[in-house]
Protein backbone atom coordinates (compact mmCIF):
# COMPACT_ATOMS: atom_id res chain seq x y z
CA MET A 1 5.81 -26.86 0.48
CA LYS A 2 6.71 -23.00 0.17
CA GLN A 3 5.31 -20.67 2.15
CA ILE A 4 4.88 -16.80 2.09
CA HIS A 5 3.84 -15.26 5.87
CA ILE A 6 1.50 -11.65 5.81
CA ALA A 7 1.26 -9.81 8.66
CA HIS A 8 -1.94 -7.93 8.85
CA LEU A 9 -1.83 -5.30 10.99
CA TYR A 10 -4.74 -3.17 12.88
CA TYR A 11 -6.42 -5.03 10.93
CA ASP A 12 -9.78 -4.23 13.32
CA LEU A 13 -8.88 -1.04 13.39
CA LEU A 14 -7.35 0.67 10.14
CA ASN A 15 -10.23 -1.47 8.00
CA LEU A 16 -11.89 1.00 5.48
CA TYR A 17 -13.23 0.93 2.02
CA GLY A 18 -13.04 -3.11 2.06
CA GLU A 19 -9.15 -3.20 2.00
CA ASN A 20 -8.52 -6.71 3.33
CA GLY A 21 -9.17 -7.76 0.03
CA ASN A 22 -6.06 -6.61 -1.13
CA ILE A 23 -4.46 -9.20 1.62
CA LYS A 24 -7.53 -11.84 -0.52
CA ALA A 25 -6.20 -11.01 -3.52
CA LEU A 26 -2.54 -11.14 -2.77
CA LYS A 27 -3.50 -14.61 -1.17
CA LYS A 28 -5.30 -15.98 -3.87
CA GLU A 29 -2.24 -15.57 -6.49
CA LEU A 30 0.43 -16.97 -3.91
CA GLU A 31 -2.38 -19.84 -3.59
CA ASN A 32 -2.46 -20.33 -7.19
CA GLN A 33 1.21 -19.97 -7.89
CA GLY A 34 1.28 -22.80 -5.00
CA VAL A 35 2.92 -21.84 -1.93
CA GLU A 36 1.31 -21.94 0.82
CA VAL A 37 0.14 -18.40 2.40
CA SER A 38 -0.09 -18.08 6.25
CA ILE A 39 -2.42 -14.42 7.07
CA HIS A 40 -1.83 -13.18 10.92
CA PHE A 41 -4.02 -10.94 11.99
CA LEU A 42 -2.02 -8.79 14.67
CA SER A 43 -3.22 -5.14 16.72
CA LEU A 44 -3.10 -3.77 18.96
CA ASP A 45 -2.22 -5.98 22.37
CA ASP A 46 0.42 -7.79 19.66
CA ASP A 47 3.83 -7.95 19.46
CA LEU A 48 5.52 -7.58 16.55
CA ASP A 49 8.57 -9.69 15.59
CA LEU A 50 8.76 -8.53 11.97
CA ASP A 51 11.41 -11.14 11.10
CA LYS A 52 8.27 -13.88 11.20
CA TYR A 53 6.62 -12.27 8.27
CA ASP A 54 7.59 -12.12 4.02
CA VAL A 55 4.94 -9.13 4.31
CA ILE A 56 4.07 -6.27 5.95
CA TYR A 57 0.03 -5.01 5.36
CA ILE A 58 -1.85 -1.76 6.60
CA GLY A 59 -4.84 -0.52 5.44
CA ALA A 60 -6.98 3.02 5.15
CA GLY A 61 -8.40 3.73 9.31
CA THR A 62 -10.49 7.10 10.15
CA GLU A 63 -7.76 8.91 12.21
CA ASP A 64 -8.65 8.10 15.72
CA ASN A 65 -7.72 4.73 15.18
CA GLN A 66 -4.98 5.78 13.92
CA LYS A 67 -3.81 8.25 17.17
CA LEU A 68 -4.62 4.92 18.44
CA VAL A 69 -2.44 2.37 16.80
CA ILE A 70 0.34 4.94 16.42
CA PRO A 71 1.75 4.39 20.31
CA HIS A 72 1.65 0.77 19.28
CA LEU A 73 3.52 0.99 15.86
CA MET A 74 6.59 3.97 17.16
CA GLN A 75 7.29 0.74 20.26
CA TYR A 76 9.62 -1.02 16.76
CA GLN A 77 10.00 2.03 15.27
CA LYS A 78 13.60 0.99 14.57
CA GLU A 79 13.61 -2.30 13.24
CA ILE A 80 10.29 -1.43 10.27
CA LYS A 81 13.54 0.87 9.34
CA ASN A 82 15.44 -1.32 9.30
CA ALA A 83 12.91 -3.93 7.39
CA ILE A 84 12.61 -1.03 5.30
CA LYS A 85 16.21 -0.78 3.68
CA ASN A 86 16.48 -4.17 4.49
CA GLY A 87 13.98 -4.55 1.53
CA LYS A 88 11.61 -6.56 3.29
CA PHE A 89 8.00 -6.01 1.06
CA PHE A 90 5.76 -3.58 3.05
CA ILE A 91 2.10 -2.79 1.07
CA ILE A 92 0.88 -0.12 2.87
CA THR A 93 -3.29 1.31 1.52
CA GLY A 94 -4.81 4.67 2.22
CA ASN A 95 -4.03 6.66 5.29
CA ALA A 96 -1.76 4.55 6.26
CA VAL A 97 1.14 5.98 4.61
CA ASN A 98 1.21 8.92 7.00
CA LEU A 99 2.15 6.37 9.52
CA PHE A 100 6.26 5.77 7.81
CA GLY A 101 7.01 10.41 7.35
CA LYS A 102 8.39 11.74 9.68
CA TYR A 103 5.52 13.42 11.61
CA ILE A 104 1.56 14.13 11.39
CA GLU A 105 -0.11 17.45 11.80
CA TYR A 106 -2.93 18.25 13.08
CA PRO A 107 -4.35 21.04 13.93
CA ASP A 108 -3.62 21.12 17.81
CA ILE A 109 -1.12 18.50 17.60
CA LYS A 110 1.90 17.48 16.12
CA VAL A 111 2.67 13.05 16.24
CA ASN A 112 5.43 11.54 15.55
CA THR A 113 5.79 8.64 13.59
CA ILE A 114 8.43 5.94 11.96
CA GLY A 115 10.64 8.46 10.01
CA ALA A 116 11.65 6.41 7.20
CA PHE A 117 11.22 8.47 4.92
CA LYS A 118 11.78 12.20 4.43
CA TYR A 119 7.67 12.76 3.93
CA HIS A 120 5.02 14.89 6.50
CA ILE A 121 1.83 14.51 7.26
CA LYS A 122 0.24 17.86 7.27
CA GLN A 123 -4.29 17.69 8.05
CA GLU A 124 -6.58 19.54 5.11
CA ASP A 125 -9.31 21.47 6.23
CA PHE A 126 -11.11 19.77 3.12
CA ARG A 127 -11.41 17.15 1.62
CA MET A 128 -9.90 15.30 -2.10
CA ILE A 129 -11.93 12.68 -3.34
CA ASP A 130 -11.30 11.76 -7.47
CA GLU A 131 -11.00 8.20 -9.51
CA SER A 132 -7.27 8.65 -10.25
CA ILE A 133 -4.85 7.31 -12.43
CA PHE A 134 -1.23 7.25 -12.47
CA SER A 135 1.77 5.74 -14.49
CA SER A 136 5.16 4.69 -12.62
CA SER A 137 8.28 3.42 -14.50
CA PHE A 138 8.11 -0.61 -13.24
CA LEU A 139 4.82 -1.22 -14.95
CA ASP A 140 3.90 -1.15 -18.24
CA LYS A 141 -0.37 0.25 -17.23
CA PRO A 142 -0.97 2.68 -15.92
CA VAL A 143 -3.09 1.87 -11.52
CA ILE A 144 -6.57 3.19 -10.98
CA GLY A 145 -8.20 3.39 -7.60
CA PHE A 146 -10.17 6.19 -6.10
CA GLN A 147 -8.89 8.97 -3.53
CA ASN A 148 -10.48 10.06 -0.34
CA GLN A 149 -7.95 12.07 1.49
CA SER A 150 -7.69 15.23 4.20
CA VAL A 151 -4.56 15.30 4.59
CA VAL A 152 -1.34 16.69 2.09
CA MET A 153 1.91 14.80 1.93
CA LEU A 154 4.91 17.22 1.76
CA ASP A 155 8.03 16.79 0.81
CA ASN A 156 7.93 13.11 -0.51
CA ASN A 157 11.36 12.23 -2.04
CA LYS A 158 10.64 8.31 -2.88
CA PRO A 159 7.28 8.50 -4.83
CA MET A 160 6.00 5.75 -6.87
CA PHE A 161 3.71 6.85 -9.40
CA GLU A 162 2.99 9.71 -11.37
CA VAL A 163 -0.34 11.46 -12.32
CA ILE A 164 -2.19 11.17 -15.27
CA LYS A 165 -5.26 12.13 -13.70
CA GLY A 166 -6.53 12.59 -9.82
CA ILE A 167 -4.80 13.44 -7.03
CA GLY A 168 -1.37 13.87 -6.38
CA SER A 169 0.76 14.04 -2.75
CA PHE A 170 -1.06 17.59 -2.73
CA PRO A 171 -3.45 19.58 -4.72
CA LYS A 172 -2.34 20.34 -8.30
CA ALA A 173 1.21 17.08 -7.45
CA LYS A 174 2.24 15.99 -10.93
CA THR A 175 3.49 12.64 -7.97
CA GLU A 176 1.88 9.98 -5.92
CA GLY A 177 2.61 7.68 -3.36
CA VAL A 178 6.18 6.57 -1.56
CA LEU A 179 8.19 3.73 -3.61
CA ASP A 180 12.10 2.62 -1.40
CA LYS A 181 13.24 -1.42 -2.50
CA HIS A 182 10.17 -3.35 -1.50
CA PHE A 183 8.00 -0.62 0.13
CA TYR A 184 4.73 0.30 -2.29
CA GLY A 185 2.81 3.05 -0.25
CA THR A 186 -0.20 4.76 -2.05
CA TYR A 187 -3.03 6.55 -0.92
CA LEU A 188 -5.32 4.66 -3.47
CA VAL A 189 -8.00 2.25 -2.48
CA GLY A 190 -10.88 0.38 -4.15
CA PRO A 191 -8.61 -2.24 -3.04
CA VAL A 192 -5.11 -1.33 -5.58
CA LEU A 193 -4.11 -4.51 -6.21
CA ALA A 194 -7.85 -6.44 -6.93
CA ARG A 195 -8.08 -3.73 -9.29
CA ASN A 196 -5.45 -3.77 -10.84
CA PRO A 197 -3.43 -6.60 -12.04
CA HIS A 198 -0.31 -6.09 -13.63
CA LEU A 199 0.16 -4.23 -10.01
CA LEU A 200 -0.92 -7.53 -8.11
CA LYS A 201 1.44 -9.58 -10.85
CA TYR A 202 3.97 -7.51 -10.77
CA ILE A 203 4.54 -7.53 -7.01
CA VAL A 204 3.57 -11.94 -6.52
CA THR A 205 6.85 -12.07 -9.14
CA GLU A 206 9.34 -9.79 -6.49
CA LEU A 207 8.03 -11.07 -3.35
CA LEU A 208 8.63 -14.35 -4.46
CA ASN A 209 11.46 -13.87 -6.54
CA SER A 210 13.36 -12.42 -3.47
CA LYS A 211 12.62 -15.36 -1.16
CA TYR A 212 12.87 -18.81 -3.72
CA LYS A 213 15.65 -18.29 -5.95
CA ASN A 214 14.18 -19.26 -9.37
CA PHE A 215 11.02 -20.29 -8.53
CA ARG A 216 8.87 -21.68 -11.21
CA PHE A 217 5.82 -19.81 -11.97
CA LYS A 218 2.59 -21.08 -13.65
CA ASP A 219 0.32 -18.92 -15.81
CA PHE A 220 -1.45 -16.37 -13.46
CA ASP A 221 -4.82 -16.56 -13.97
CA LEU A 222 -6.57 -13.01 -14.19
CA LYS A 223 -8.94 -12.76 -16.46
CA GLN A 224 -11.58 -11.13 -14.56
CA ASN A 225 -9.45 -9.17 -12.94
CA LYS A 226 -8.31 -7.67 -17.01
CA GLU A 227 -11.40 -7.90 -17.02
CA ALA A 228 -12.87 -5.32 -15.11
CA TYR A 229 -9.46 -3.04 -15.71
CA ASP A 230 -9.86 -3.38 -18.44
CA GLN A 231 -13.92 -1.87 -19.01
CA PHE A 232 -13.13 0.68 -16.87
CA VAL A 233 -10.87 1.99 -18.27
CA ARG A 234 -12.67 2.11 -21.63
CA THR A 235 -15.24 3.64 -19.92
CA PHE A 236 -13.97 6.82 -17.48
CA TYR A 237 -10.07 6.53 -19.60
CA GLN A 238 -10.39 6.34 -23.22
CA ASN A 239 -9.99 9.56 -23.49
CA ILE A 240 -6.69 10.29 -21.49
CA ILE A 241 -4.47 7.29 -22.30
């Protein structure tokens, strides 16, 4: 039996906006392909052995909870950077992308983070809230999602999306997100995988092809997801795309 192991990091602390829906959507589509999926719920009291997992997922959380997880995550800084470099799958949504740049600059303190990428994060005294729609080089349809953030991402040289409408990495930015090998990071919440069946299909396909050579895919059953996506785009973005 083919298996995929997913580590859901800080499931109890970084769990805003129904982001566990990303895990549910991923699990469902993997199982539809005949793959056995194990979700491992890990938090501050757990050791993190990245070699045990095929996918690392972290979702959005409050600022206070994010500060709580940083010391734990930093214990594995070297291992995480190497895993990203070697192509392990990371799916990082909401403000969890803050954790992988060089540092977060709060009003009263600067906190070092993983440093896997060049960017750094600055907390602002304003909040950016919008329904957004982005394009990408690897998908044939735009990605939709919701943004609600009080930080900006600066000096990002590995963006994942081009902004069609909404907020980029900072006000008036033309790009958003982080993409490097199989690291997929975006401030979009919603949850983004449930709202974007083409993105979900792409990640499932990439994941299974990377682990199992010549994997034989079944047809993807994403009819309801596609209907919801198409209806939303027709209603809100028909004059844009």
